[in-house]
Every structure is written in C-alpha cells, then in structure tokens.
C-alpha cells in the first residue's frame, strides 16, 4: 500500500468548491428575495383591484358598501393567500363611500410599498408608511 495514490479530493479542492458555492449564493439570494417582494406586491395590487368590482356588486345587492373584507369574500375572485405577505383592510364611511389599504406584513421583507384604493379604483402607493388619497398612483 505504500506508494499507492488514493483517489479522492484534497482538502484544498473541497474548500474551493465550498467557496464558489458561497459566492454564487451570496449573489443570487438578494435577487430571489427581491423577486418574492415584487410578486407579493403584484398579488396585493391585483387583490385590491377586485375590491372595486366586488364593492359595486355588494352595493347593488345591499344598498350600501361593505365595511369589511369578509363581506366581500364571496364576490372576490382573486384569493389572497397567507403567503402573500400583505394584510388588507376595507372601510366605509356611512356605507356611501369606501376605501381600502394593503400593507406588507413584514415591511422590507414581504414588500416595500403600502397601497391605498378608493371608490375611483385608482390604487396609490407610499413607502415606509400607510398610503392615502394624495400619494402616487400606480400606472
């Protein structure tokens, strides 16, 4: 057995492979996280767009606008999943006007923007705070 070479990797080769994998992970993980935030925001926007239609249907049936998301659940065709990273609320003012908000559950992680929608159907957004009627509209 003396003088016979054993087959396998040297410690230096293994260290190099681990280093390359670590570099690739460090480069790709932030991009993956940004993609997840973008997907969460797109899902939140789509969900909020359905509120306008659902509120109009609810109003035609009941003569007032719904004051909670739960009252619209049967009318909203886009479902919000627990993994979407946003929480939503819809409010009315005496049943004659309505507005809604969507906010990231973990700001900076599940999403960067807060959203606002009113009866006009225009969705607006703000960073680092709840959005309102005066914020920038989504195009």
C-alpha atoms as a PDB file:
ATOM      1  CA  UNK A   1       0.000   0.000   0.000  1.00  0.00           C
ATOM      2  CA  UNK A   2       2.929   2.312   0.445  1.00  0.00           C
ATOM      3  CA  UNK A   3       3.369   4.471  -2.610  1.00  0.00           C
ATOM      4  CA  UNK A   4      -0.152   3.828  -3.877  1.00  0.00           C
ATOM      5  CA  UNK A   5      -2.185   7.002  -4.522  1.00  0.00           C
ATOM      6  CA  UNK A   6      -5.647   7.127  -3.022  1.00  0.00           C
ATOM      7  CA  UNK A   7      -8.448   8.542  -5.163  1.00  0.00           C
ATOM      8  CA  UNK A   8     -10.455  11.469  -3.811  1.00  0.00           C
ATOM      9  CA  UNK A   9     -10.477  15.219  -3.308  1.00  0.00           C
ATOM     10  CA  UNK A  10      -7.900  17.149  -1.389  1.00  0.00           C
ATOM     11  CA  UNK A  11      -8.907  19.472   1.397  1.00  0.00           C
ATOM     12  CA  UNK A  12      -7.952  22.463  -0.747  1.00  0.00           C
ATOM     13  CA  UNK A  13     -10.230  21.312  -3.584  1.00  0.00           C
ATOM     14  CA  UNK A  14     -13.165  20.939  -1.195  1.00  0.00           C
ATOM     15  CA  UNK A  15     -12.531  24.409   0.295  1.00  0.00           C
ATOM     16  CA  UNK A  16     -12.527  25.904  -3.214  1.00  0.00           C
ATOM     17  CA  UNK A  17     -15.835  24.234  -4.132  1.00  0.00           C
ATOM     18  CA  UNK A  18     -17.471  25.473  -0.920  1.00  0.00           C
ATOM     19  CA  UNK A  19     -16.125  28.993  -1.556  1.00  0.00           C
ATOM     20  CA  UNK A  20     -17.528  29.040  -5.106  1.00  0.00           C
ATOM     21  CA  UNK A  21     -20.941  27.836  -3.882  1.00  0.00           C
ATOM     22  CA  UNK A  22     -20.948  30.512  -1.156  1.00  0.00           C
ATOM     23  CA  UNK A  23     -20.153  33.240  -3.697  1.00  0.00           C
ATOM     24  CA  UNK A  24     -22.919  32.087  -6.050  1.00  0.00           C
ATOM     25  CA  UNK A  25     -25.410  32.002  -3.138  1.00  0.00           C
ATOM     26  CA  UNK A  26     -24.389  35.489  -1.985  1.00  0.00           C
ATOM     27  CA  UNK A  27     -25.011  36.850  -5.473  1.00  0.00           C
ATOM     28  CA  UNK A  28     -28.326  35.099  -6.155  1.00  0.00           C
ATOM     29  CA  UNK A  29     -30.189  35.234  -2.819  1.00  0.00           C
ATOM     30  CA  UNK A  30     -30.849  39.015  -2.826  1.00  0.00           C
ATOM     31  CA  UNK A  31     -32.305  38.717  -6.340  1.00  0.00           C
ATOM     32  CA  UNK A  32     -34.578  35.900  -5.249  1.00  0.00           C
ATOM     33  CA  UNK A  33     -35.795  37.929  -2.256  1.00  0.00           C
ATOM     34  CA  UNK A  34     -36.482  40.968  -4.465  1.00  0.00           C
ATOM     35  CA  UNK A  35     -38.450  38.755  -6.841  1.00  0.00           C
ATOM     36  CA  UNK A  36     -40.560  37.499  -3.947  1.00  0.00           C
ATOM     37  CA  UNK A  37     -41.294  41.086  -2.823  1.00  0.00           C
ATOM     38  CA  UNK A  38     -42.282  42.056  -6.358  1.00  0.00           C
ATOM     39  CA  UNK A  39     -44.578  39.040  -6.615  1.00  0.00           C
ATOM     40  CA  UNK A  40     -46.179  39.878  -3.241  1.00  0.00           C
ATOM     41  CA  UNK A  41     -46.787  43.468  -4.353  1.00  0.00           C
ATOM     42  CA  UNK A  42     -48.270  42.380  -7.689  1.00  0.00           C
ATOM     43  CA  UNK A  43     -50.572  39.967  -5.875  1.00  0.00           C
ATOM     44  CA  UNK A  44     -51.647  42.695  -3.438  1.00  0.00           C
ATOM     45  CA  UNK A  45     -52.398  45.118  -6.274  1.00  0.00           C
ATOM     46  CA  UNK A  46     -54.470  42.522  -8.127  1.00  0.00           C
ATOM     47  CA  UNK A  47     -56.382  41.651  -4.974  1.00  0.00           C
ATOM     48  CA  UNK A  48     -57.157  45.312  -4.318  1.00  0.00           C
ATOM     49  CA  UNK A  49     -58.327  45.840  -7.899  1.00  0.00           C
ATOM     50  CA  UNK A  50     -61.018  43.266  -7.327  1.00  0.00           C
ATOM     51  CA  UNK A  51     -62.395  45.336  -4.441  1.00  0.00           C
ATOM     52  CA  UNK A  52     -63.878  47.916  -6.816  1.00  0.00           C
ATOM     53  CA  UNK A  53     -65.913  45.347  -8.682  1.00  0.00           C
ATOM     54  CA  UNK A  54     -66.842  43.466  -5.517  1.00  0.00           C
ATOM     55  CA  UNK A  55     -67.938  46.669  -3.768  1.00  0.00           C
ATOM     56  CA  UNK A  56     -70.177  47.643  -6.700  1.00  0.00           C
ATOM     57  CA  UNK A  57     -71.808  44.203  -6.719  1.00  0.00           C
ATOM     58  CA  UNK A  58     -72.269  44.359  -2.940  1.00  0.00           C
ATOM     59  CA  UNK A  59     -73.754  47.864  -3.228  1.00  0.00           C
ATOM     60  CA  UNK A  60     -76.266  46.759  -5.872  1.00  0.00           C
ATOM     61  CA  UNK A  61     -77.392  43.882  -3.668  1.00  0.00           C
ATOM     62  CA  UNK A  62     -77.459  45.705  -0.317  1.00  0.00           C
ATOM     63  CA  UNK A  63     -77.733  49.459  -0.975  1.00  0.00           C
ATOM     64  CA  UNK A  64     -74.535  50.187   0.991  1.00  0.00           C
ATOM     65  CA  UNK A  65     -70.838  49.384   0.570  1.00  0.00           C
ATOM     66  CA  UNK A  66     -69.251  46.555   2.544  1.00  0.00           C
ATOM     67  CA  UNK A  67     -67.406  47.662   5.661  1.00  0.00           C
ATOM     68  CA  UNK A  68     -65.207  44.579   5.924  1.00  0.00           C
ATOM     69  CA  UNK A  69     -63.226  42.310   3.693  1.00  0.00           C
ATOM     70  CA  UNK A  70     -65.150  39.305   4.992  1.00  0.00           C
ATOM     71  CA  UNK A  71     -68.399  40.622   3.469  1.00  0.00           C
ATOM     72  CA  UNK A  72     -66.729  40.701   0.048  1.00  0.00           C
ATOM     73  CA  UNK A  73     -65.069  37.288   0.185  1.00  0.00           C
ATOM     74  CA  UNK A  74     -67.729  35.558  -1.946  1.00  0.00           C
ATOM     75  CA  UNK A  75     -67.512  38.306  -4.579  1.00  0.00           C
ATOM     76  CA  UNK A  76     -63.731  38.451  -4.906  1.00  0.00           C
ATOM     77  CA  UNK A  77     -62.410  36.023  -7.484  1.00  0.00           C
ATOM     78  CA  UNK A  78     -58.728  36.586  -6.671  1.00  0.00           C
ATOM     79  CA  UNK A  79     -57.887  34.876  -3.422  1.00  0.00           C
ATOM     80  CA  UNK A  80     -55.332  36.224  -1.037  1.00  0.00           C
ATOM     81  CA  UNK A  81     -53.092  33.569   0.374  1.00  0.00           C
ATOM     82  CA  UNK A  82     -51.411  33.530   3.743  1.00  0.00           C
ATOM     83  CA  UNK A  83     -48.070  33.544   1.953  1.00  0.00           C
ATOM     84  CA  UNK A  84     -48.685  36.762   0.007  1.00  0.00           C
ATOM     85  CA  UNK A  85     -47.046  38.884   2.683  1.00  0.00           C
ATOM     86  CA  UNK A  86     -49.723  41.599   2.851  1.00  0.00           C
ATOM     87  CA  UNK A  87     -52.577  42.417   5.183  1.00  0.00           C
ATOM     88  CA  UNK A  88     -55.694  44.189   3.938  1.00  0.00           C
ATOM     89  CA  UNK A  89     -58.470  46.303   5.358  1.00  0.00           C
ATOM     90  CA  UNK A  90     -61.508  47.878   3.757  1.00  0.00           C
ATOM     91  CA  UNK A  91     -63.564  50.624   5.406  1.00  0.00           C
ATOM     92  CA  UNK A  92     -66.679  52.595   4.604  1.00  0.00           C
ATOM     93  CA  UNK A  93     -67.934  55.993   5.591  1.00  0.00           C
ATOM     94  CA  UNK A  94     -71.622  55.558   6.480  1.00  0.00           C
ATOM     95  CA  UNK A  95     -71.909  52.929   3.747  1.00  0.00           C
ATOM     96  CA  UNK A  96     -71.880  55.545   0.969  1.00  0.00           C
ATOM     97  CA  UNK A  97     -68.150  55.619   0.172  1.00  0.00           C
ATOM     98  CA  UNK A  98     -65.314  53.174   0.711  1.00  0.00           C
ATOM     99  CA  UNK A  99     -61.538  52.841   0.703  1.00  0.00           C
ATOM    100  CA  UNK A 100     -59.075  50.052   1.344  1.00  0.00           C
ATOM    101  CA  UNK A 101     -55.472  49.575   2.341  1.00  0.00           C
ATOM    102  CA  UNK A 102     -52.870  46.889   1.843  1.00  0.00           C
ATOM    103  CA  UNK A 103     -49.687  46.879   3.891  1.00  0.00           C
ATOM    104  CA  UNK A 104     -46.734  44.497   3.974  1.00  0.00           C
ATOM    105  CA  UNK A 105     -46.829  42.193   6.988  1.00  0.00           C
ATOM    106  CA  UNK A 106     -43.035  42.488   7.277  1.00  0.00           C
ATOM    107  CA  UNK A 107     -42.036  45.809   5.671  1.00  0.00           C
ATOM    108  CA  UNK A 108     -38.835  45.500   3.667  1.00  0.00           C
ATOM    109  CA  UNK A 109     -39.114  41.717   3.633  1.00  0.00           C
ATOM    110  CA  UNK A 110     -42.568  40.811   2.296  1.00  0.00           C
ATOM    111  CA  UNK A 111     -42.959  44.096   0.400  1.00  0.00           C
ATOM    112  CA  UNK A 112     -41.708  47.667   0.209  1.00  0.00           C
ATOM    113  CA  UNK A 113     -44.867  49.563  -0.732  1.00  0.00           C
ATOM    114  CA  UNK A 114     -48.101  50.285   1.134  1.00  0.00           C
ATOM    115  CA  UNK A 115     -51.234  50.580  -1.026  1.00  0.00           C
ATOM    116  CA  UNK A 116     -54.474  52.572  -0.932  1.00  0.00           C
ATOM    117  CA  UNK A 117     -57.570  52.282  -3.129  1.00  0.00           C
ATOM    118  CA  UNK A 118     -60.716  54.397  -3.123  1.00  0.00           C
ATOM    119  CA  UNK A 119     -64.036  54.292  -4.946  1.00  0.00           C
ATOM    120  CA  UNK A 120     -62.336  55.756  -8.020  1.00  0.00           C
ATOM    121  CA  UNK A 121     -60.480  52.456  -8.460  1.00  0.00           C
ATOM    122  CA  UNK A 122     -57.100  54.192  -8.544  1.00  0.00           C
ATOM    123  CA  UNK A 123     -54.502  52.373  -6.472  1.00  0.00           C
ATOM    124  CA  UNK A 124     -51.888  54.597  -4.838  1.00  0.00           C
ATOM    125  CA  UNK A 125     -48.707  53.693  -3.010  1.00  0.00           C
ATOM    126  CA  UNK A 126     -46.289  55.002  -0.422  1.00  0.00           C
ATOM    127  CA  UNK A 127     -43.032  53.734   1.017  1.00  0.00           C
ATOM    128  CA  UNK A 128     -42.471  53.248   4.775  1.00  0.00           C
ATOM    129  CA  UNK A 129     -45.983  54.443   5.793  1.00  0.00           C
ATOM    130  CA  UNK A 130     -49.640  53.807   5.067  1.00  0.00           C
ATOM    131  CA  UNK A 131     -50.680  55.157   1.686  1.00  0.00           C
ATOM    132  CA  UNK A 132     -53.542  57.618   1.285  1.00  0.00           C
ATOM    133  CA  UNK A 133     -55.541  59.548  -1.317  1.00  0.00           C
ATOM    134  CA  UNK A 134     -52.745  62.021  -2.032  1.00  0.00           C
ATOM    135  CA  UNK A 135     -49.985  59.507  -2.795  1.00  0.00           C
ATOM    136  CA  UNK A 136     -48.581  58.489  -6.174  1.00  0.00           C
ATOM    137  CA  UNK A 137     -50.948  56.426  -8.335  1.00  0.00           C
ATOM    138  CA  UNK A 138     -49.836  53.122  -9.844  1.00  0.00           C
ATOM    139  CA  UNK A 139     -49.683  53.302 -13.613  1.00  0.00           C
END
